[in-house]
Amino acid sequence: MLSRRHIRLKVMQSLYSFFSYNEKQVVSDAELSMLQHIEEVKELNLVILSLLVNLIEYADSFFQDGKKKHFPSSEDLNPNTRFINNKLVKDFLSDDLLSELDNLSTFWIANDHNVISKLFKTLYQSDLYRNYIINDDYSIDIDRKFFIKALNNYILNNELVHHVLEEKSIYWIDDLPFVATIIIGEFKSDMQFIRTSVFKDSSDKEFAIRLFRDTIKHNDQYEEIIMKFARNWDLDRIANMDQLLLKMAFAEILNMKELPVKVSMNEYIEISKYYSTAKSKVFLNGILDNAVKDLDKKGLIKKTGRGLI
């Protein structure tokens, strides 16, 4: 399930694309494209789970090949198969989920990168793997701790994994930390993978649509606000991402009565730390703080509920 922050990020990506190619896009088409990109987070979730399945399947063939060596060692003949037979992934992968993952069976092998073999060998040679297979505690909690550490330390930060994901979608690297959080959360809570919409409920989907539409609809109005409080700055000198984040913030502050002003301000200031320039945090904070005071004084900020200003 997507958080509101991640929804904001996905809307931001689509708005950036829209304003970059405005003459070539129709708003309704761009909106549909945005919703499609958001739903692709679910596909990425499945892709990462398929990577785990591929690694386990490769490990099985790796051990079988070891037995066929001309001079197999005792370890080759009697490999520790705890990684293959772990309780966590076996319990997590329901029949329905395995059926969905079958559609992605070639995702990680339909290229010349040998991702699975390289990734498994890196993991296989690690202290994390060695300590895991010799652990006398065979509880699912040990499996859980191993796979969470393997995801964080070896799998999801692997450059080759990133390369393959980027070949599929330019957005997936940005989405990867959030998807990792979802999968790890499901592992920790023993929940099975949820294959419904990535939106928690209809209000979250409506939030994404309203944010996208209002930012476009009132673009000129928001530019005027920016210019009023960006003293000694021409609009062309303000980073495009800073402009976009400010416009999205104003869309929430002026048109979404149910959202607290402070929440909207803090969210976009926080996002600017990762998606704009080093000075953006201070710049956005100054513009938003002064603009909100002025807009509130003029009675233009209308919120419902206590403590929302």
Protein backbone atom coordinates (compact mmCIF):
# COMPACT_ATOMS: atom_id res chain seq x y z
CA MET A 1 0.00 0.00 0.00
CA LEU A 2 1.29 3.44 -0.92
CA SER A 3 1.79 6.13 1.69
CA ARG A 4 0.71 9.69 0.96
CA ARG A 5 4.37 10.67 0.60
CA HIS A 6 4.93 8.10 -2.10
CA ILE A 7 1.75 9.19 -3.86
CA ARG A 8 3.13 12.74 -3.87
CA LEU A 9 6.38 11.47 -5.40
CA LYS A 10 4.57 9.60 -8.17
CA VAL A 11 2.39 12.63 -8.94
CA MET A 12 5.53 14.81 -8.93
CA GLN A 13 7.19 12.55 -11.51
CA SER A 14 4.15 12.71 -13.79
CA LEU A 15 3.77 16.47 -13.42
CA TYR A 16 7.43 17.00 -14.21
CA SER A 17 6.95 15.00 -17.40
CA PHE A 18 3.75 16.88 -18.24
CA PHE A 19 5.24 20.35 -17.85
CA SER A 20 8.34 19.29 -19.78
CA TYR A 21 6.26 18.16 -22.78
CA ASN A 22 3.12 20.21 -22.29
CA GLU A 23 2.49 20.90 -25.96
CA LYS A 24 2.44 17.21 -26.77
CA GLN A 25 0.17 15.99 -23.96
CA VAL A 26 -3.54 16.15 -23.18
CA VAL A 27 -4.29 16.48 -19.46
CA SER A 28 -6.67 13.52 -19.41
CA ASP A 29 -4.12 11.31 -21.17
CA ALA A 30 -1.38 12.44 -18.81
CA GLU A 31 -3.62 11.65 -15.84
CA LEU A 32 -4.24 8.11 -17.07
CA SER A 33 -0.52 7.69 -17.61
CA MET A 34 0.12 8.86 -14.05
CA LEU A 35 -2.31 6.32 -12.58
CA GLN A 36 -0.69 3.61 -14.67
CA HIS A 37 2.77 4.54 -13.35
CA ILE A 38 1.45 4.41 -9.80
CA GLU A 39 -0.03 0.94 -10.32
CA GLU A 40 3.33 -0.24 -11.69
CA VAL A 41 4.61 -0.17 -8.10
CA LYS A 42 2.64 -3.40 -7.65
CA GLU A 43 4.50 -4.94 -10.58
CA LEU A 44 7.84 -3.95 -9.07
CA ASN A 45 6.79 -5.66 -5.84
CA LEU A 46 6.20 -8.87 -7.80
CA VAL A 47 9.48 -8.45 -9.69
CA ILE A 48 11.48 -8.32 -6.43
CA LEU A 49 9.65 -11.36 -5.06
CA SER A 50 10.38 -13.19 -8.32
CA LEU A 51 14.06 -12.36 -7.78
CA LEU A 52 13.98 -14.20 -4.45
CA VAL A 53 12.30 -17.20 -6.07
CA ASN A 54 14.87 -17.21 -8.89
CA LEU A 55 17.71 -17.11 -6.37
CA ILE A 56 16.30 -20.10 -4.49
CA GLU A 57 15.76 -22.03 -7.73
CA TYR A 58 19.29 -21.22 -8.87
CA ALA A 59 20.70 -22.38 -5.51
CA ASP A 60 19.03 -25.75 -6.03
CA SER A 61 20.63 -26.21 -9.46
CA PHE A 62 23.95 -24.89 -8.11
CA PHE A 63 24.01 -27.62 -5.45
CA GLN A 64 22.96 -30.30 -7.94
CA ASP A 65 25.79 -29.29 -10.27
CA GLY A 66 28.22 -29.49 -7.35
CA LYS A 67 27.38 -33.18 -6.90
CA LYS A 68 28.31 -33.83 -10.55
CA LYS A 69 31.88 -32.56 -10.26
CA HIS A 70 34.65 -35.01 -11.16
CA PHE A 71 36.05 -34.70 -7.67
CA PRO A 72 33.21 -33.43 -5.46
CA SER A 73 34.00 -32.44 -1.91
CA SER A 74 31.98 -33.65 1.04
CA GLU A 75 30.27 -30.25 1.04
CA ASP A 76 29.41 -30.70 -2.65
CA LEU A 77 27.91 -34.11 -1.95
CA ASN A 78 26.02 -33.01 1.13
CA PRO A 79 25.20 -29.30 0.70
CA ASN A 80 23.38 -27.37 3.38
CA THR A 81 19.98 -26.68 1.80
CA ARG A 82 18.57 -24.40 4.46
CA PHE A 83 18.50 -21.50 2.00
CA ILE A 84 16.37 -23.55 -0.40
CA ASN A 85 14.05 -25.01 2.22
CA ASN A 86 13.59 -21.91 4.37
CA LYS A 87 10.23 -21.61 6.08
CA LEU A 88 9.71 -17.90 5.51
CA VAL A 89 9.55 -17.80 1.71
CA LYS A 90 7.73 -21.14 1.49
CA ASP A 91 4.99 -19.90 3.85
CA PHE A 92 4.86 -16.49 2.19
CA LEU A 93 4.48 -17.77 -1.37
CA SER A 94 0.86 -18.85 -1.68
CA ASP A 95 -0.31 -20.79 -4.74
CA ASP A 96 -1.98 -17.66 -6.12
CA LEU A 97 1.17 -15.61 -5.72
CA LEU A 98 3.32 -18.31 -7.33
CA SER A 99 0.94 -18.30 -10.26
CA GLU A 100 1.45 -14.56 -10.69
CA LEU A 101 5.21 -14.91 -10.37
CA ASP A 102 5.19 -17.49 -13.17
CA ASN A 103 4.40 -14.62 -15.53
CA LEU A 104 7.71 -13.05 -14.51
CA SER A 105 9.75 -16.25 -14.66
CA THR A 106 12.03 -14.90 -17.40
CA PHE A 107 12.34 -11.30 -16.17
CA TRP A 108 15.73 -11.78 -14.51
CA ILE A 109 17.16 -14.27 -17.00
CA ALA A 110 16.02 -12.77 -20.32
CA ASN A 111 19.20 -10.72 -20.66
CA ASP A 112 22.96 -11.18 -20.89
CA HIS A 113 23.75 -9.94 -17.39
CA ASN A 114 23.67 -13.29 -15.50
CA VAL A 115 22.12 -11.43 -12.58
CA ILE A 116 20.90 -14.49 -10.69
CA SER A 117 24.15 -16.46 -10.76
CA LYS A 118 26.30 -13.43 -9.87
CA LEU A 119 23.98 -12.33 -7.10
CA PHE A 120 23.72 -15.80 -5.57
CA LYS A 121 27.48 -16.34 -5.62
CA THR A 122 28.00 -12.99 -3.87
CA LEU A 123 25.45 -13.95 -1.24
CA TYR A 124 26.79 -17.53 -0.98
CA GLN A 125 30.30 -16.25 -0.17
CA SER A 126 29.12 -13.81 2.48
CA ASP A 127 29.42 -14.19 6.25
CA LEU A 128 25.70 -13.52 6.46
CA TYR A 129 24.93 -16.64 4.42
CA ARG A 130 27.50 -18.81 6.21
CA ASN A 131 26.26 -17.83 9.67
CA TYR A 132 22.68 -18.44 8.58
CA ILE A 133 23.11 -22.00 7.31
CA ILE A 134 25.12 -23.16 10.35
CA ASN A 135 22.71 -21.64 12.88
CA ASP A 136 21.20 -24.36 15.06
CA ASP A 137 18.03 -22.33 15.50
CA TYR A 138 15.66 -23.39 12.71
CA SER A 139 12.81 -21.08 13.66
CA ILE A 140 11.12 -18.92 11.04
CA ASP A 141 12.36 -15.87 12.96
CA ILE A 142 15.95 -16.69 11.95
CA ASP A 143 14.82 -17.09 8.33
CA ARG A 144 13.08 -13.74 8.56
CA LYS A 145 16.16 -11.94 9.91
CA PHE A 146 18.37 -13.51 7.23
CA PHE A 147 16.20 -12.55 4.26
CA ILE A 148 15.64 -9.01 5.53
CA LYS A 149 19.41 -8.52 5.89
CA ALA A 150 20.02 -10.18 2.51
CA LEU A 151 17.55 -7.82 0.84
CA ASN A 152 18.98 -4.73 2.50
CA ASN A 153 22.70 -5.54 2.29
CA TYR A 154 23.15 -7.61 -0.87
CA ILE A 155 20.13 -7.71 -3.16
CA LEU A 156 18.45 -4.32 -3.31
CA ASN A 157 21.66 -2.29 -3.38
CA ASN A 158 23.25 -4.41 -6.12
CA GLU A 159 24.28 -2.30 -9.14
CA LEU A 160 23.39 -5.04 -11.62
CA VAL A 161 19.91 -5.37 -10.10
CA HIS A 162 19.51 -1.60 -10.44
CA HIS A 163 20.63 -1.75 -14.06
CA VAL A 164 18.04 -4.38 -14.98
CA LEU A 165 15.27 -2.46 -13.19
CA GLU A 166 16.21 0.78 -14.94
CA GLU A 167 16.00 -0.97 -18.31
CA LYS A 168 12.36 -1.76 -17.52
CA SER A 169 11.28 1.57 -16.00
CA ILE A 170 13.06 4.84 -15.25
CA TYR A 171 10.87 5.21 -12.14
CA TRP A 172 11.62 1.87 -10.49
CA ILE A 173 14.85 2.90 -8.78
CA ASP A 174 12.97 5.70 -7.02
CA ASP A 175 10.25 3.22 -6.09
CA LEU A 176 12.63 0.52 -4.87
CA PRO A 177 13.13 1.75 -1.26
CA PHE A 178 9.39 1.96 -0.76
CA VAL A 179 8.74 -1.49 -2.27
CA ALA A 180 11.50 -2.89 -0.05
CA THR A 181 9.70 -1.43 2.95
CA ILE A 182 6.47 -3.12 1.86
CA ILE A 183 8.08 -6.54 1.40
CA ILE A 184 10.04 -6.35 4.65
CA GLY A 185 6.90 -5.24 6.47
CA GLU A 186 5.01 -8.23 5.04
CA PHE A 187 7.83 -10.57 6.09
CA LYS A 188 7.85 -9.18 9.62
CA SER A 189 4.09 -9.46 10.06
CA ASP A 190 3.71 -12.87 8.35
CA MET A 191 1.26 -11.28 5.93
CA GLN A 192 0.80 -12.72 2.47
CA PHE A 193 1.34 -10.43 -0.48
CA ILE A 194 -1.67 -8.23 -1.20
CA ARG A 195 -2.48 -7.99 -4.90
CA THR A 196 -5.21 -5.36 -4.78
CA SER A 197 -4.74 -1.75 -5.88
CA VAL A 198 -1.65 0.02 -4.59
CA PHE A 199 -3.95 2.68 -3.12
CA LYS A 200 -5.03 2.07 0.47
CA ASP A 201 -8.55 3.27 -0.31
CA SER A 202 -10.51 5.43 -2.75
CA SER A 203 -9.55 8.63 -0.89
CA ASP A 204 -5.87 8.07 -1.67
CA LYS A 205 -6.58 7.62 -5.37
CA GLU A 206 -8.76 10.73 -5.31
CA PHE A 207 -5.92 12.61 -3.58
CA ALA A 208 -3.52 11.70 -6.41
CA ILE A 209 -5.98 12.80 -9.10
CA ARG A 210 -6.89 16.06 -7.37
CA LEU A 211 -3.25 16.94 -6.75
CA PHE A 212 -2.38 16.29 -10.39
CA ARG A 213 -5.36 18.21 -11.81
CA ASP A 214 -5.20 21.20 -9.45
CA THR A 215 -1.48 21.74 -9.96
CA ILE A 216 -2.04 21.94 -13.72
CA LYS A 217 -5.28 23.92 -13.56
CA HIS A 218 -3.94 26.63 -11.27
CA ASN A 219 -0.39 26.66 -12.60
CA ASP A 220 -0.45 30.36 -13.55
CA GLN A 221 -1.91 31.36 -10.19
CA TYR A 222 0.79 29.46 -8.32
CA GLU A 223 3.51 31.00 -10.46
CA GLU A 224 2.25 34.45 -9.45
CA ILE A 225 2.45 33.48 -5.77
CA ILE A 226 5.98 32.18 -6.21
CA MET A 227 7.11 35.36 -7.95
CA LYS A 228 5.53 37.53 -5.29
CA PHE A 229 7.58 35.96 -2.50
CA ALA A 230 10.72 34.97 -4.41
CA ARG A 231 12.21 38.42 -4.06
CA ASN A 232 14.97 39.29 -6.53
CA TRP A 233 14.44 36.00 -8.37
CA ASP A 234 13.20 35.63 -11.93
CA LEU A 235 11.10 32.52 -12.48
CA ASP A 236 13.66 31.22 -14.97
CA ARG A 237 16.33 31.31 -12.25
CA ILE A 238 14.34 29.08 -9.88
CA ALA A 239 15.02 25.35 -10.30
CA ASN A 240 12.21 23.63 -12.18
CA MET A 241 11.82 21.05 -9.41
CA ASP A 242 11.56 23.78 -6.76
CA GLN A 243 8.82 25.47 -8.79
CA LEU A 244 6.95 22.19 -9.16
CA LEU A 245 7.15 21.30 -5.47
CA LEU A 246 5.90 24.76 -4.51
CA LYS A 247 2.98 24.50 -6.92
CA MET A 248 2.01 21.10 -5.55
CA ALA A 249 2.20 22.48 -2.01
CA PHE A 250 -0.08 25.38 -2.94
CA ALA A 251 -2.52 22.95 -4.57
CA GLU A 252 -2.86 21.18 -1.23
CA ILE A 253 -2.86 24.32 0.91
CA LEU A 254 -5.45 26.21 -1.14
CA ASN A 255 -7.68 23.46 -2.52
CA MET A 256 -7.66 20.51 -0.11
CA LYS A 257 -9.63 21.57 2.94
CA GLU A 258 -9.05 18.35 4.85
CA LEU A 259 -5.22 18.50 4.82
CA PRO A 260 -3.33 20.40 7.55
CA VAL A 261 -1.19 23.22 6.19
CA LYS A 262 1.83 22.17 8.25
CA VAL A 263 1.67 18.63 6.86
CA SER A 264 1.69 19.89 3.28
CA MET A 265 4.55 22.31 3.97
CA ASN A 266 6.69 19.74 5.77
CA GLU A 267 6.11 17.06 3.13
CA TYR A 268 7.38 19.14 0.23
CA ILE A 269 10.28 20.58 2.19
CA GLU A 270 11.30 17.02 3.05
CA ILE A 271 10.91 15.82 -0.55
CA SER A 272 13.08 18.69 -1.77
CA LYS A 273 16.03 17.30 0.23
CA TYR A 274 16.19 14.30 -2.09
CA TYR A 275 14.85 15.57 -5.41
CA SER A 276 16.16 19.12 -5.78
CA THR A 277 19.21 21.24 -4.99
CA ALA A 278 21.17 21.53 -1.77
CA LYS A 279 19.62 24.93 -1.01
CA SER A 280 16.06 23.95 -1.92
CA LYS A 281 14.99 23.11 1.62
CA VAL A 282 15.72 26.63 2.87
CA PHE A 283 14.28 28.24 -0.27
CA LEU A 284 10.99 26.28 -0.13
CA ASN A 285 10.63 26.82 3.58
CA GLY A 286 10.99 30.59 3.18
CA ILE A 287 8.56 30.87 0.27
CA LEU A 288 5.92 28.64 1.86
CA ASP A 289 6.15 30.26 5.28
CA ASN A 290 5.72 33.80 3.93
CA ALA A 291 3.08 32.82 1.38
CA VAL A 292 0.96 30.92 3.92
CA LYS A 293 0.98 33.87 6.32
CA ASP A 294 -0.15 36.20 3.52
CA LEU A 295 -2.78 33.83 2.12
CA ASP A 296 -4.17 33.12 5.58
CA LYS A 297 -4.35 36.82 6.40
CA LYS A 298 -6.39 37.36 3.22
CA GLY A 299 -8.74 34.53 4.16
CA LEU A 300 -7.76 32.41 1.14
CA ILE A 301 -6.83 29.31 3.14
CA LYS A 302 -10.00 27.49 4.13
CA LYS A 303 -9.59 24.31 6.13
CA THR A 304 -12.17 22.13 7.85
CA GLY A 305 -11.44 20.68 11.28
CA ARG A 306 -9.48 21.91 14.25
CA GLY A 307 -5.77 22.68 14.05
CA LEU A 308 -5.48 22.51 10.27
CA ILE A 309 -4.01 25.97 9.69
